[in-house]
């Protein structure tokens, strides 16, 4: 029962302290909203790019064009060597006849018929290699290029490496920006609570004289900082939820990430924003009150 009374007292005092120093409290809350908005944007973009990377990884492979005069035993040797390479999942032989049928199917899918005007289309036999590791494309291509029966090798390694580089740059830049704004938020909360503490210095001194513990003095101020983080988090979550409808089709079409636009993704993002806001508020308040109490002991 005593704990509940103390908790109720701390919450009431935190609420009163928030509005007693309303200008600084609202400024701190606004910076929390700014930081969490940047964090939400970074989270969405990085999730989208990672999903797009996974989509490209599923498409990345190696296509090996074989020589026309390659005997069957030579082809089997190349297939066997390819299957033994690290990072190779499957090796599929595509004959010229199968390649032609695939071309016809592609035209049919587009609502057309393949019309060569009577001319013969020369297609090549090839090996289609899928990978367990998209980064293995270059090493697989280099190993197979040594075979005499291989005329040409095509990979999507350059596209994969380019996207991976873009993701790393965006991730690093985003983390730096969010980190800098987070430090700004932390100092804003520290200063806000410090002003509140100094404004109530006589009250704190009286509480100490009547035997109040540091914990009893500290918790209302900590909850005041948590309140800044909570309000900032809720405002950001509501804003993200409000624009979530227009975001979903963009995420699907641009990043190929239908899973990420589910309600579970939004719930995860909301939890990240809430935890970050509450954590920054509690940390900033704790640092501010702790330094004051230590200096006046």
Protein backbone atom coordinates (compact mmCIF):
# COMPACT_ATOMS: atom_id res chain seq x y z
CA UNK A 1 0.00 0.00 0.00
CA UNK A 2 2.88 2.34 0.82
CA UNK A 3 4.42 1.65 -2.59
CA UNK A 4 1.18 2.54 -4.35
CA UNK A 5 0.94 5.81 -2.43
CA UNK A 6 4.54 6.61 -3.33
CA UNK A 7 3.93 5.73 -7.00
CA UNK A 8 0.82 7.92 -7.09
CA UNK A 9 2.68 10.77 -5.40
CA UNK A 10 5.57 10.48 -7.91
CA UNK A 11 3.24 10.49 -10.94
CA UNK A 12 1.30 13.51 -9.68
CA UNK A 13 4.50 15.42 -8.92
CA UNK A 14 5.93 14.53 -12.34
CA UNK A 15 2.79 15.81 -14.07
CA UNK A 16 2.84 19.03 -12.05
CA UNK A 17 6.56 19.51 -12.72
CA UNK A 18 6.06 18.97 -16.46
CA UNK A 19 3.55 21.83 -16.70
CA UNK A 20 5.32 24.04 -14.15
CA UNK A 21 8.23 24.25 -16.57
CA UNK A 22 6.01 23.93 -19.65
CA UNK A 23 8.19 25.79 -22.15
CA UNK A 24 11.28 23.65 -21.58
CA UNK A 25 9.24 20.47 -21.22
CA UNK A 26 7.46 21.02 -24.53
CA UNK A 27 10.75 21.91 -26.23
CA UNK A 28 12.29 18.67 -24.96
CA UNK A 29 9.22 16.76 -26.12
CA UNK A 30 9.45 18.35 -29.56
CA UNK A 31 13.08 17.26 -29.91
CA UNK A 32 12.02 13.74 -28.91
CA UNK A 33 9.43 13.80 -31.70
CA UNK A 34 12.07 15.00 -34.18
CA UNK A 35 14.54 12.28 -33.21
CA UNK A 36 11.93 9.51 -33.21
CA UNK A 37 10.62 10.67 -36.60
CA UNK A 38 14.14 10.36 -38.02
CA UNK A 39 14.49 6.98 -36.33
CA UNK A 40 11.18 5.81 -37.83
CA UNK A 41 12.21 6.96 -41.30
CA UNK A 42 15.59 5.23 -40.96
CA UNK A 43 13.93 2.05 -39.68
CA UNK A 44 11.48 1.98 -42.60
CA UNK A 45 14.11 2.75 -45.26
CA UNK A 46 16.65 0.26 -43.93
CA UNK A 47 13.97 -2.44 -43.62
CA UNK A 48 12.89 -1.71 -47.18
CA UNK A 49 16.41 -1.82 -48.54
CA UNK A 50 17.17 -5.04 -46.65
CA UNK A 51 14.01 -6.59 -48.08
CA UNK A 52 14.99 -5.41 -51.55
CA UNK A 53 18.43 -6.89 -51.02
CA UNK A 54 16.88 -10.23 -50.07
CA UNK A 55 14.73 -10.07 -53.22
CA UNK A 56 17.80 -9.44 -55.38
CA UNK A 57 19.70 -12.19 -53.56
CA UNK A 58 16.97 -14.61 -54.56
CA UNK A 59 17.44 -13.55 -58.19
CA UNK A 60 21.21 -13.37 -58.25
CA UNK A 61 22.77 -16.28 -60.08
CA UNK A 62 25.32 -17.22 -62.68
CA UNK A 63 24.49 -18.04 -66.30
CA UNK A 64 27.15 -19.97 -68.20
CA UNK A 65 26.89 -20.07 -72.00
CA UNK A 66 28.37 -23.26 -73.39
CA UNK A 67 30.18 -23.79 -76.68
CA UNK A 68 28.15 -25.29 -79.54
CA UNK A 69 30.60 -28.11 -80.12
CA UNK A 70 30.93 -29.05 -76.45
CA UNK A 71 30.48 -32.83 -76.09
CA UNK A 72 28.17 -34.22 -73.43
CA UNK A 73 31.07 -35.49 -71.34
CA UNK A 74 32.55 -31.97 -71.28
CA UNK A 75 29.22 -30.53 -70.23
CA UNK A 76 28.86 -33.06 -67.42
CA UNK A 77 32.37 -32.20 -66.24
CA UNK A 78 31.49 -28.50 -66.02
CA UNK A 79 28.24 -29.30 -64.18
CA UNK A 80 30.08 -31.51 -61.71
CA UNK A 81 32.73 -28.88 -61.06
CA UNK A 82 30.09 -26.17 -60.67
CA UNK A 83 28.11 -28.20 -58.12
CA UNK A 84 31.28 -28.66 -56.07
CA UNK A 85 31.97 -24.92 -55.79
CA UNK A 86 31.25 -23.12 -52.48
CA UNK A 87 28.08 -21.05 -52.54
CA UNK A 88 26.39 -23.03 -55.34
CA UNK A 89 22.86 -24.28 -54.64
CA UNK A 90 21.73 -25.84 -57.94
CA UNK A 91 22.99 -26.22 -61.49
CA UNK A 92 20.41 -26.58 -64.29
CA UNK A 93 21.21 -27.37 -67.91
CA UNK A 94 19.12 -25.47 -70.47
CA UNK A 95 19.23 -26.80 -74.01
CA UNK A 96 18.71 -24.54 -77.08
CA UNK A 97 15.25 -26.09 -77.52
CA UNK A 98 14.28 -25.26 -73.92
CA UNK A 99 15.63 -21.74 -74.37
CA UNK A 100 13.46 -21.29 -77.46
CA UNK A 101 10.39 -22.56 -75.61
CA UNK A 102 11.08 -20.12 -72.78
CA UNK A 103 11.26 -17.31 -75.33
CA UNK A 104 7.88 -18.35 -76.76
CA UNK A 105 6.41 -18.47 -73.23
CA UNK A 106 7.69 -14.97 -72.53
CA UNK A 107 5.94 -13.67 -75.66
CA UNK A 108 2.73 -15.50 -74.72
CA UNK A 109 2.83 -13.96 -71.24
CA UNK A 110 2.96 -10.55 -72.93
CA UNK A 111 -0.04 -11.47 -75.09
CA UNK A 112 1.98 -11.98 -78.29
CA UNK A 113 3.24 -14.80 -80.45
CA UNK A 114 6.86 -15.22 -81.44
CA UNK A 115 7.13 -14.55 -85.17
CA UNK A 116 10.57 -15.00 -86.71
CA UNK A 117 9.40 -14.50 -90.30
CA UNK A 118 10.74 -17.91 -91.21
CA UNK A 119 14.27 -17.18 -90.02
CA UNK A 120 16.05 -19.58 -87.73
CA UNK A 121 16.84 -18.26 -84.27
CA UNK A 122 20.11 -19.54 -82.95
CA UNK A 123 20.02 -20.02 -79.20
CA UNK A 124 22.78 -21.43 -77.06
CA UNK A 125 22.88 -24.14 -74.48
CA UNK A 126 23.64 -22.86 -71.02
CA UNK A 127 23.89 -23.65 -67.34
CA UNK A 128 21.77 -21.72 -64.86
CA UNK A 129 23.36 -21.67 -61.42
CA UNK A 130 21.54 -20.56 -58.29
CA UNK A 131 23.55 -19.51 -55.24
CA UNK A 132 23.23 -20.02 -51.51
CA UNK A 133 25.34 -16.89 -51.01
CA UNK A 134 24.79 -14.00 -53.42
CA UNK A 135 28.32 -12.71 -52.82
CA UNK A 136 29.78 -15.94 -54.26
CA UNK A 137 28.88 -15.00 -57.84
CA UNK A 138 32.30 -13.59 -58.73
CA UNK A 139 34.24 -16.56 -57.35
CA UNK A 140 31.95 -19.05 -59.10
CA UNK A 141 32.29 -17.18 -62.40
CA UNK A 142 36.08 -17.04 -62.07
CA UNK A 143 36.34 -20.76 -61.38
CA UNK A 144 34.13 -21.78 -64.32
CA UNK A 145 35.82 -19.39 -66.74
CA UNK A 146 38.84 -21.71 -66.75
CA UNK A 147 36.91 -24.40 -68.65
CA UNK A 148 37.48 -24.57 -72.41
CA UNK A 149 33.82 -25.30 -73.14
CA UNK A 150 32.64 -22.05 -71.53
CA UNK A 151 32.11 -19.16 -73.97
CA UNK A 152 30.57 -16.50 -71.73
CA UNK A 153 29.52 -16.02 -68.12
CA UNK A 154 26.87 -13.57 -66.92
CA UNK A 155 26.31 -12.57 -63.29
CA UNK A 156 24.41 -9.89 -61.39
CA UNK A 157 27.22 -9.47 -58.90
CA UNK A 158 27.78 -5.80 -59.81
CA UNK A 159 24.13 -4.89 -59.15
CA UNK A 160 24.20 -6.78 -55.86
CA UNK A 161 27.43 -5.13 -54.72
CA UNK A 162 26.14 -1.69 -55.70
CA UNK A 163 22.93 -2.12 -53.68
CA UNK A 164 24.86 -3.50 -50.73
CA UNK A 165 27.15 -0.44 -50.83
CA UNK A 166 24.16 1.92 -50.94
CA UNK A 167 22.57 0.18 -47.96
CA UNK A 168 25.78 0.42 -45.94
CA UNK A 169 26.15 4.14 -46.71
CA UNK A 170 22.52 4.92 -45.84
CA UNK A 171 22.68 2.81 -42.68
CA UNK A 172 25.89 4.50 -41.50
CA UNK A 173 24.70 8.03 -42.33
CA UNK A 174 21.30 7.38 -40.76
CA UNK A 175 22.79 6.00 -37.55
CA UNK A 176 25.12 9.01 -37.27
CA UNK A 177 22.26 11.49 -37.80
CA UNK A 178 19.91 9.72 -35.38
CA UNK A 179 22.74 9.42 -32.85
CA UNK A 180 23.50 13.15 -33.02
CA UNK A 181 19.84 14.07 -32.64
CA UNK A 182 19.56 11.54 -29.79
CA UNK A 183 22.44 13.23 -27.95
CA UNK A 184 20.67 16.58 -28.47
CA UNK A 185 17.46 15.10 -27.04
CA UNK A 186 19.37 13.72 -24.07
CA UNK A 187 20.90 17.12 -23.26
CA UNK A 188 17.53 18.82 -23.69
CA UNK A 189 15.96 16.47 -21.16
CA UNK A 190 18.93 16.83 -18.80
CA UNK A 191 18.64 20.63 -18.93
CA UNK A 192 14.85 20.52 -18.55
CA UNK A 193 15.02 18.36 -15.43
CA UNK A 194 17.99 20.35 -14.09
CA UNK A 195 15.92 23.56 -14.28
CA UNK A 196 13.06 21.78 -12.54
CA UNK A 197 15.40 20.51 -9.81
CA UNK A 198 16.94 23.94 -9.19
CA UNK A 199 13.53 25.59 -9.08
CA UNK A 200 12.55 23.17 -6.31
CA UNK A 201 15.83 23.27 -4.44
CA UNK A 202 14.29 24.66 -1.19
CA UNK A 203 11.60 21.97 -1.30
CA UNK A 204 14.23 19.26 -1.82
CA UNK A 205 16.25 20.60 1.12
CA UNK A 206 13.19 20.47 3.39
CA UNK A 207 12.48 16.90 2.26
CA UNK A 208 16.04 15.94 3.14
CA UNK A 209 15.76 17.57 6.57
CA UNK A 210 12.67 15.50 7.40
CA UNK A 211 14.50 12.31 6.36
CA UNK A 212 13.39 11.71 2.75
CA UNK A 213 15.68 9.31 0.88
CA UNK A 214 17.37 10.17 -2.40
CA UNK A 215 15.09 7.65 -4.14
CA UNK A 216 12.02 9.43 -2.82
CA UNK A 217 13.35 12.74 -4.12
CA UNK A 218 14.66 11.30 -7.41
CA UNK A 219 11.66 9.39 -8.80
CA UNK A 220 9.27 12.30 -9.49
CA UNK A 221 11.97 13.96 -11.58
CA UNK A 222 12.78 10.74 -13.41
CA UNK A 223 9.09 10.25 -14.21
CA UNK A 224 8.96 13.84 -15.46
CA UNK A 225 11.64 13.00 -18.02
CA UNK A 226 9.86 9.74 -18.84
CA UNK A 227 6.71 11.81 -19.45
CA UNK A 228 8.58 13.88 -22.07
CA UNK A 229 9.69 10.68 -23.78
CA UNK A 230 6.24 9.09 -23.52
CA UNK A 231 4.40 12.05 -25.05
CA UNK A 232 7.01 12.36 -27.80
CA UNK A 233 6.76 8.64 -28.54
CA UNK A 234 2.97 8.63 -28.70
CA UNK A 235 2.90 11.68 -30.99
CA UNK A 236 5.40 10.03 -33.36
CA UNK A 237 3.57 6.68 -33.32
CA UNK A 238 0.25 8.38 -34.14
CA UNK A 239 1.90 10.34 -36.97
CA UNK A 240 3.48 7.19 -38.45
CA UNK A 241 0.18 5.30 -38.18
CA UNK A 242 -1.62 8.17 -39.93
CA UNK A 243 0.67 8.03 -42.98
CA UNK A 244 1.04 4.25 -42.97
CA UNK A 245 -1.65 3.78 -45.63
CA UNK A 246 0.18 5.72 -48.39
CA UNK A 247 3.52 4.18 -47.36
CA UNK A 248 2.47 0.53 -47.83
CA UNK A 249 2.10 0.42 -51.65
CA UNK A 250 5.38 2.34 -52.01
CA UNK A 251 7.19 -0.18 -49.85
CA UNK A 252 5.80 -3.06 -51.89
CA UNK A 253 6.49 -1.57 -55.31
CA UNK A 254 9.88 0.02 -54.59
CA UNK A 255 11.41 -2.36 -52.08
CA UNK A 256 9.55 -5.61 -52.87
CA UNK A 257 8.68 -6.03 -49.20
CA UNK A 258 5.04 -7.16 -48.73
CA UNK A 259 5.89 -8.76 -45.37
CA UNK A 260 7.34 -5.57 -43.95
CA UNK A 261 4.14 -3.58 -44.49
CA UNK A 262 2.12 -5.91 -42.30
CA UNK A 263 0.58 -4.84 -39.00
CA UNK A 264 3.35 -6.77 -37.24
CA UNK A 265 5.96 -4.49 -38.81
CA UNK A 266 4.05 -1.39 -37.65
CA UNK A 267 3.73 -2.88 -34.15
CA UNK A 268 7.47 -3.57 -34.02
CA UNK A 269 8.26 -0.04 -35.18
CA UNK A 270 5.91 1.39 -32.54
CA UNK A 271 7.60 -0.63 -29.79
CA UNK A 272 11.03 0.58 -30.95
CA UNK A 273 9.87 4.21 -30.88
CA UNK A 274 8.20 3.83 -27.48
CA UNK A 275 11.19 2.09 -25.90
CA UNK A 276 13.61 4.66 -27.33
CA UNK A 277 11.55 7.62 -26.13
CA UNK A 278 11.05 6.23 -22.63
CA UNK A 279 14.70 5.19 -22.39
CA UNK A 280 16.02 8.62 -23.36
CA UNK A 281 13.62 10.36 -20.99
CA UNK A 282 14.55 8.12 -18.06
CA UNK A 283 18.30 8.31 -18.78
CA UNK A 284 18.36 12.10 -19.13
CA UNK A 285 16.39 12.59 -15.91
CA UNK A 286 18.49 10.11 -13.96
CA UNK A 287 21.74 11.79 -15.04
CA UNK A 288 20.42 15.25 -14.13
CA UNK A 289 19.00 14.35 -10.71
CA UNK A 290 21.93 12.13 -9.79
CA UNK A 291 24.47 14.88 -10.53
CA UNK A 292 22.45 17.40 -8.47
CA UNK A 293 22.00 15.14 -5.48
CA UNK A 294 25.66 14.12 -5.56
CA UNK A 295 26.75 17.78 -5.65
CA UNK A 296 24.52 18.80 -2.74
CA UNK A 297 25.17 15.84 -0.45
